[in-house]
Amino acid sequence: MAIDPEVISPSRKIGSRSSKYFPKWMFYSAGGLGVLFLVGLLKALLPVIGMFFLLAFIFSQSTTTRRY
């Protein structure tokens, strides 16, 4: 016979254990992996973005007409 979490109040010991439990280390490890993924993504994309701006600047300088 299953215990319905709605029937048992959360203040009781059995009621608090009947709900889903996620350990703290799971949240910390997920956050750490997320930070590592974000840093790796930034390290990969920043040189590409910088090269794009450099090429855009070179292109804009090469297409302007100069009058000497």
PDB file of N, CA and C in Angstrom:
ATOM      1  N   MET A   1       0.838  -1.172   0.000  1.00  0.00           N
ATOM      2  CA  MET A   1       0.000   0.000   0.000  1.00  0.00           C
ATOM      3  C   MET A   1       0.888   1.242   0.000  1.00  0.00           C
ATOM      4  N   ALA A   2       0.669   2.111  -0.945  1.00  0.00           N
ATOM      5  CA  ALA A   2       1.493   3.308  -1.094  1.00  0.00           C
ATOM      6  C   ALA A   2       1.013   4.412  -0.151  1.00  0.00           C
ATOM      7  N   ILE A   3       1.954   5.224   0.269  1.00  0.00           N
ATOM      8  CA  ILE A   3       1.629   6.361   1.139  1.00  0.00           C
ATOM      9  C   ILE A   3       1.470   7.591   0.264  1.00  0.00           C
ATOM     10  N   ASP A   4       0.328   8.234   0.359  1.00  0.00           N
ATOM     11  CA  ASP A   4       0.100   9.472  -0.380  1.00  0.00           C
ATOM     12  C   ASP A   4       0.743  10.620   0.386  1.00  0.00           C
ATOM     13  N   PRO A   5       1.592  11.429  -0.257  1.00  0.00           N
ATOM     14  CA  PRO A   5       2.218  12.548   0.451  1.00  0.00           C
ATOM     15  C   PRO A   5       1.224  13.602   0.903  1.00  0.00           C
ATOM     16  N   GLU A   6       0.051  13.657   0.263  1.00  0.00           N
ATOM     17  CA  GLU A   6      -0.942  14.658   0.648  1.00  0.00           C
ATOM     18  C   GLU A   6      -1.621  14.301   1.969  1.00  0.00           C
ATOM     19  N   VAL A   7      -1.627  13.006   2.294  1.00  0.00           N
ATOM     20  CA  VAL A   7      -2.345  12.564   3.485  1.00  0.00           C
ATOM     21  C   VAL A   7      -1.528  12.856   4.741  1.00  0.00           C
ATOM     22  N   ILE A   8      -0.233  12.640   4.693  1.00  0.00           N
ATOM     23  CA  ILE A   8       0.621  12.811   5.861  1.00  0.00           C
ATOM     24  C   ILE A   8       1.160  14.236   5.866  1.00  0.00           C
ATOM     25  N   SER A   9       1.087  14.885   6.985  1.00  0.00           N
ATOM     26  CA  SER A   9       1.564  16.261   7.066  1.00  0.00           C
ATOM     27  C   SER A   9       3.089  16.283   6.973  1.00  0.00           C
ATOM     28  N   PRO A  10       3.664  17.327   6.358  1.00  0.00           N
ATOM     29  CA  PRO A  10       5.109  17.391   6.195  1.00  0.00           C
ATOM     30  C   PRO A  10       5.865  17.589   7.506  1.00  0.00           C
ATOM     31  N   SER A  11       5.170  17.969   8.582  1.00  0.00           N
ATOM     32  CA  SER A  11       5.861  18.193   9.838  1.00  0.00           C
ATOM     33  C   SER A  11       6.259  16.871  10.498  1.00  0.00           C
ATOM     34  N   ARG A  12       5.595  15.795  10.133  1.00  0.00           N
ATOM     35  CA  ARG A  12       5.939  14.496  10.700  1.00  0.00           C
ATOM     36  C   ARG A  12       7.145  13.920   9.997  1.00  0.00           C
ATOM     37  N   LYS A  13       7.861  13.051  10.685  1.00  0.00           N
ATOM     38  CA  LYS A  13       9.077  12.465  10.139  1.00  0.00           C
ATOM     39  C   LYS A  13       8.771  11.596   8.916  1.00  0.00           C
ATOM     40  N   ILE A  14       7.705  10.831   8.973  1.00  0.00           N
ATOM     41  CA  ILE A  14       7.330   9.966   7.847  1.00  0.00           C
ATOM     42  C   ILE A  14       6.897  10.819   6.656  1.00  0.00           C
ATOM     43  N   GLY A  15       6.192  11.909   6.925  1.00  0.00           N
ATOM     44  CA  GLY A  15       5.736  12.788   5.847  1.00  0.00           C
ATOM     45  C   GLY A  15       6.875  13.479   5.143  1.00  0.00           C
ATOM     46  N   SER A  16       7.907  13.857   5.878  1.00  0.00           N
ATOM     47  CA  SER A  16       9.027  14.536   5.235  1.00  0.00           C
ATOM     48  C   SER A  16       9.846  13.567   4.399  1.00  0.00           C
ATOM     49  N   ARG A  17       9.905  12.302   4.799  1.00  0.00           N
ATOM     50  CA  ARG A  17      10.639  11.316   4.015  1.00  0.00           C
ATOM     51  C   ARG A  17       9.854  10.814   2.816  1.00  0.00           C
ATOM     52  N   SER A  18       8.530  10.994   2.819  1.00  0.00           N
ATOM     53  CA  SER A  18       7.726  10.494   1.706  1.00  0.00           C
ATOM     54  C   SER A  18       7.862  11.373   0.467  1.00  0.00           C
ATOM     55  N   SER A  19       8.309  12.624   0.634  1.00  0.00           N
ATOM     56  CA  SER A  19       8.511  13.483  -0.529  1.00  0.00           C
ATOM     57  C   SER A  19       9.867  13.186  -1.157  1.00  0.00           C
ATOM     58  N   LYS A  20      10.063  13.672  -2.360  1.00  0.00           N
ATOM     59  CA  LYS A  20      11.318  13.407  -3.070  1.00  0.00           C
ATOM     60  C   LYS A  20      12.458  14.158  -2.396  1.00  0.00           C
ATOM     61  N   TYR A  21      13.618  13.536  -2.345  1.00  0.00           N
ATOM     62  CA  TYR A  21      14.773  14.104  -1.666  1.00  0.00           C
ATOM     63  C   TYR A  21      15.938  14.183  -2.638  1.00  0.00           C
ATOM     64  N   PHE A  22      16.518  15.375  -2.784  1.00  0.00           N
ATOM     65  CA  PHE A  22      17.708  15.575  -3.603  1.00  0.00           C
ATOM     66  C   PHE A  22      18.841  15.996  -2.676  1.00  0.00           C
ATOM     67  N   PRO A  23      19.930  15.253  -2.658  1.00  0.00           N
ATOM     68  CA  PRO A  23      21.038  15.615  -1.781  1.00  0.00           C
ATOM     69  C   PRO A  23      21.728  16.904  -2.235  1.00  0.00           C
ATOM     70  N   LYS A  24      22.370  17.574  -1.277  1.00  0.00           N
ATOM     71  CA  LYS A  24      23.024  18.840  -1.584  1.00  0.00           C
ATOM     72  C   LYS A  24      24.159  18.664  -2.577  1.00  0.00           C
ATOM     73  N   TRP A  25      24.867  17.552  -2.492  1.00  0.00           N
ATOM     74  CA  TRP A  25      26.000  17.361  -3.384  1.00  0.00           C
ATOM     75  C   TRP A  25      25.564  17.302  -4.834  1.00  0.00           C
ATOM     76  N   MET A  26      24.307  16.886  -5.086  1.00  0.00           N
ATOM     77  CA  MET A  26      23.804  16.833  -6.451  1.00  0.00           C
ATOM     78  C   MET A  26      23.640  18.246  -7.019  1.00  0.00           C
ATOM     79  N   PHE A  27      23.140  19.170  -6.196  1.00  0.00           N
ATOM     80  CA  PHE A  27      22.990  20.545  -6.633  1.00  0.00           C
ATOM     81  C   PHE A  27      24.351  21.203  -6.854  1.00  0.00           C
ATOM     82  N   TYR A  28      25.291  20.967  -5.927  1.00  0.00           N
ATOM     83  CA  TYR A  28      26.617  21.562  -6.044  1.00  0.00           C
ATOM     84  C   TYR A  28      27.375  21.020  -7.255  1.00  0.00           C
ATOM     85  N   SER A  29      27.270  19.727  -7.493  1.00  0.00           N
ATOM     86  CA  SER A  29      27.978  19.163  -8.644  1.00  0.00           C
ATOM     87  C   SER A  29      27.346  19.633  -9.954  1.00  0.00           C
ATOM     88  N   ALA A  30      26.025  19.765  -9.984  1.00  0.00           N
ATOM     89  CA  ALA A  30      25.376  20.277 -11.192  1.00  0.00           C
ATOM     90  C   ALA A  30      25.775  21.729 -11.442  1.00  0.00           C
ATOM     91  N   GLY A  31      25.852  22.527 -10.374  1.00  0.00           N
ATOM     92  CA  GLY A  31      26.300  23.915 -10.523  1.00  0.00           C
ATOM     93  C   GLY A  31      27.739  24.004 -10.979  1.00  0.00           C
ATOM     94  N   GLY A  32      28.611  23.146 -10.435  1.00  0.00           N
ATOM     95  CA  GLY A  32      30.010  23.140 -10.844  1.00  0.00           C
ATOM     96  C   GLY A  32      30.181  22.736 -12.297  1.00  0.00           C
ATOM     97  N   LEU A  33      29.436  21.730 -12.730  1.00  0.00           N
ATOM     98  CA  LEU A  33      29.502  21.325 -14.131  1.00  0.00           C
ATOM     99  C   LEU A  33      28.950  22.415 -15.054  1.00  0.00           C
ATOM    100  N   GLY A  34      27.926  23.099 -14.598  1.00  0.00           N
ATOM    101  CA  GLY A  34      27.378  24.207 -15.384  1.00  0.00           C
ATOM    102  C   GLY A  34      28.379  25.337 -15.546  1.00  0.00           C
ATOM    103  N   VAL A  35      29.102  25.647 -14.468  1.00  0.00           N
ATOM    104  CA  VAL A  35      30.122  26.699 -14.536  1.00  0.00           C
ATOM    105  C   VAL A  35      31.253  26.278 -15.472  1.00  0.00           C
ATOM    106  N   LEU A  36      31.698  25.031 -15.375  1.00  0.00           N
ATOM    107  CA  LEU A  36      32.749  24.555 -16.267  1.00  0.00           C
ATOM    108  C   LEU A  36      32.309  24.596 -17.730  1.00  0.00           C
ATOM    109  N   PHE A  37      31.073  24.231 -17.989  1.00  0.00           N
ATOM    110  CA  PHE A  37      30.548  24.281 -19.351  1.00  0.00           C
ATOM    111  C   PHE A  37      30.492  25.720 -19.858  1.00  0.00           C
ATOM    112  N   LEU A  38      30.050  26.650 -19.012  1.00  0.00           N
ATOM    113  CA  LEU A  38      29.949  28.054 -19.404  1.00  0.00           C
ATOM    114  C   LEU A  38      31.328  28.647 -19.683  1.00  0.00           C
ATOM    115  N   VAL A  39      32.306  28.333 -18.841  1.00  0.00           N
ATOM    116  CA  VAL A  39      33.663  28.838 -19.050  1.00  0.00           C
ATOM    117  C   VAL A  39      34.251  28.269 -20.338  1.00  0.00           C
ATOM    118  N   GLY A  40      34.044  26.993 -20.594  1.00  0.00           N
ATOM    119  CA  GLY A  40      34.535  26.392 -21.834  1.00  0.00           C
ATOM    120  C   GLY A  40      33.886  26.998 -23.060  1.00  0.00           C
ATOM    121  N   LEU A  41      32.598  27.291 -22.966  1.00  0.00           N
ATOM    122  CA  LEU A  41      31.893  27.913 -24.086  1.00  0.00           C
ATOM    123  C   LEU A  41      32.419  29.319 -24.340  1.00  0.00           C
ATOM    124  N   LEU A  42      32.649  30.079 -23.277  1.00  0.00           N
ATOM    125  CA  LEU A  42      33.183  31.430 -23.438  1.00  0.00           C
ATOM    126  C   LEU A  42      34.600  31.406 -24.005  1.00  0.00           C
ATOM    127  N   LYS A  43      35.404  30.456 -23.551  1.00  0.00           N
ATOM    128  CA  LYS A  43      36.765  30.358 -24.073  1.00  0.00           C
ATOM    129  C   LYS A  43      36.759  30.005 -25.551  1.00  0.00           C
ATOM    130  N   ALA A  44      35.775  29.284 -25.992  1.00  0.00           N
ATOM    131  CA  ALA A  44      35.695  28.913 -27.403  1.00  0.00           C
ATOM    132  C   ALA A  44      35.120  30.046 -28.254  1.00  0.00           C
ATOM    133  N   LEU A  45      34.187  30.810 -27.713  1.00  0.00           N
ATOM    134  CA  LEU A  45      33.492  31.814 -28.521  1.00  0.00           C
ATOM    135  C   LEU A  45      34.163  33.183 -28.524  1.00  0.00           C
ATOM    136  N   LEU A  46      34.874  33.558 -27.463  1.00  0.00           N
ATOM    137  CA  LEU A  46      35.465  34.894 -27.426  1.00  0.00           C
ATOM    138  C   LEU A  46      36.489  35.135 -28.534  1.00  0.00           C
ATOM    139  N   PRO A  47      37.374  34.214 -28.841  1.00  0.00           N
ATOM    140  CA  PRO A  47      38.271  34.471 -29.979  1.00  0.00           C
ATOM    141  C   PRO A  47      37.533  34.596 -31.312  1.00  0.00           C
ATOM    142  N   VAL A  48      36.478  33.848 -31.494  1.00  0.00           N
ATOM    143  CA  VAL A  48      35.700  33.933 -32.738  1.00  0.00           C
ATOM    144  C   VAL A  48      35.025  35.296 -32.840  1.00  0.00           C
ATOM    145  N   ILE A  49      34.464  35.779 -31.743  1.00  0.00           N
ATOM    146  CA  ILE A  49      33.813  37.090 -31.740  1.00  0.00           C
ATOM    147  C   ILE A  49      34.844  38.193 -31.970  1.00  0.00           C
ATOM    148  N   GLY A  50      35.998  38.076 -31.332  1.00  0.00           N
ATOM    149  CA  GLY A  50      37.058  39.066 -31.536  1.00  0.00           C
ATOM    150  C   GLY A  50      37.541  39.092 -32.975  1.00  0.00           C
ATOM    151  N   MET A  51      37.696  37.934 -33.587  1.00  0.00           N
ATOM    152  CA  MET A  51      38.120  37.871 -34.984  1.00  0.00           C
ATOM    153  C   MET A  51      37.058  38.475 -35.904  1.00  0.00           C
ATOM    154  N   PHE A  52      35.798  38.265 -35.585  1.00  0.00           N
ATOM    155  CA  PHE A  52      34.724  38.854 -36.381  1.00  0.00           C
ATOM    156  C   PHE A  52      34.795  40.375 -36.337  1.00  0.00           C
ATOM    157  N   PHE A  53      34.982  40.949 -35.147  1.00  0.00           N
ATOM    158  CA  PHE A  53      35.061  42.405 -35.041  1.00  0.00           C
ATOM    159  C   PHE A  53      36.309  42.948 -35.736  1.00  0.00           C
ATOM    160  N   LEU A  54      37.411  42.221 -35.652  1.00  0.00           N
ATOM    161  CA  LEU A  54      38.624  42.655 -36.340  1.00  0.00           C
ATOM    162  C   LEU A  54      38.436  42.635 -37.857  1.00  0.00           C
ATOM    163  N   LEU A  55      37.836  41.583 -38.368  1.00  0.00           N
ATOM    164  CA  LEU A  55      37.589  41.518 -39.807  1.00  0.00           C
ATOM    165  C   LEU A  55      36.569  42.565 -40.256  1.00  0.00           C
ATOM    166  N   ALA A  56      35.568  42.850 -39.428  1.00  0.00           N
ATOM    167  CA  ALA A  56      34.593  43.888 -39.768  1.00  0.00           C
ATOM    168  C   ALA A  56      35.269  45.253 -39.817  1.00  0.00           C
ATOM    169  N   PHE A  57      36.203  45.502 -38.889  1.00  0.00           N
ATOM    170  CA  PHE A  57      36.927  46.769 -38.899  1.00  0.00           C
ATOM    171  C   PHE A  57      37.817  46.883 -40.132  1.00  0.00           C
ATOM    172  N   ILE A  58      38.515  45.811 -40.463  1.00  0.00           N
ATOM    173  CA  ILE A  58      39.379  45.829 -41.648  1.00  0.00           C
ATOM    174  C   ILE A  58      38.547  46.032 -42.908  1.00  0.00           C
ATOM    175  N   PHE A  59      37.408  45.378 -42.989  1.00  0.00           N
ATOM    176  CA  PHE A  59      36.537  45.528 -44.155  1.00  0.00           C
ATOM    177  C   PHE A  59      36.002  46.952 -44.257  1.00  0.00           C
ATOM    178  N   SER A  60      35.604  47.535 -43.133  1.00  0.00           N
ATOM    179  CA  SER A  60      35.079  48.900 -43.176  1.00  0.00           C
ATOM    180  C   SER A  60      36.166  49.892 -43.569  1.00  0.00           C
ATOM    181  N   GLN A  61      37.407  49.659 -43.150  1.00  0.00           N
ATOM    182  CA  GLN A  61      38.500  50.548 -43.523  1.00  0.00           C
ATOM    183  C   GLN A  61      38.886  50.382 -44.994  1.00  0.00           C
ATOM    184  N   SER A  62      38.738  49.189 -45.501  1.00  0.00           N
ATOM    185  CA  SER A  62      39.136  48.962 -46.900  1.00  0.00           C
ATOM    186  C   SER A  62      38.091  49.459 -47.889  1.00  0.00           C
ATOM    187  N   THR A  63      36.850  49.613 -47.469  1.00  0.00           N
ATOM    188  CA  THR A  63      35.804  50.042 -48.399  1.00  0.00           C
ATOM    189  C   THR A  63      35.561  51.530 -48.362  1.00  0.00           C
ATOM    190  N   THR A  64      36.144  52.261 -47.439  1.00  0.00           N
ATOM    191  CA  THR A  64      35.946  53.713 -47.413  1.00  0.00           C
ATOM    192  C   THR A  64      36.840  54.362 -48.479  1.00  0.00           C
ATOM    193  N   THR A  65      36.303  55.373 -49.107  1.00  0.00           N
ATOM    194  CA  THR A  65      37.070  56.089 -50.134  1.00  0.00           C
ATOM    195  C   THR A  65      37.810  57.235 -49.451  1.00  0.00           C
ATOM    196  N   ARG A  66      39.082  57.322 -49.709  1.00  0.00           N
ATOM    197  CA  ARG A  66      39.888  58.391 -49.128  1.00  0.00           C
ATOM    198  C   ARG A  66      40.248  59.396 -50.206  1.00  0.00           C
ATOM    199  N   ARG A  67      40.158  60.640 -49.867  1.00  0.00           N
ATOM    200  CA  ARG A  67      40.538  61.701 -50.782  1.00  0.00           C
ATOM    201  C   ARG A  67      41.815  62.330 -50.257  1.00  0.00           C
ATOM    202  N   TYR A  68      42.866  62.188 -51.003  1.00  0.00           N
ATOM    203  CA  TYR A  68      44.166  62.722 -50.571  1.00  0.00           C
ATOM    204  C   TYR A  68      44.380  64.100 -51.116  1.00  0.00           C
TER     205      TYR A  68
END
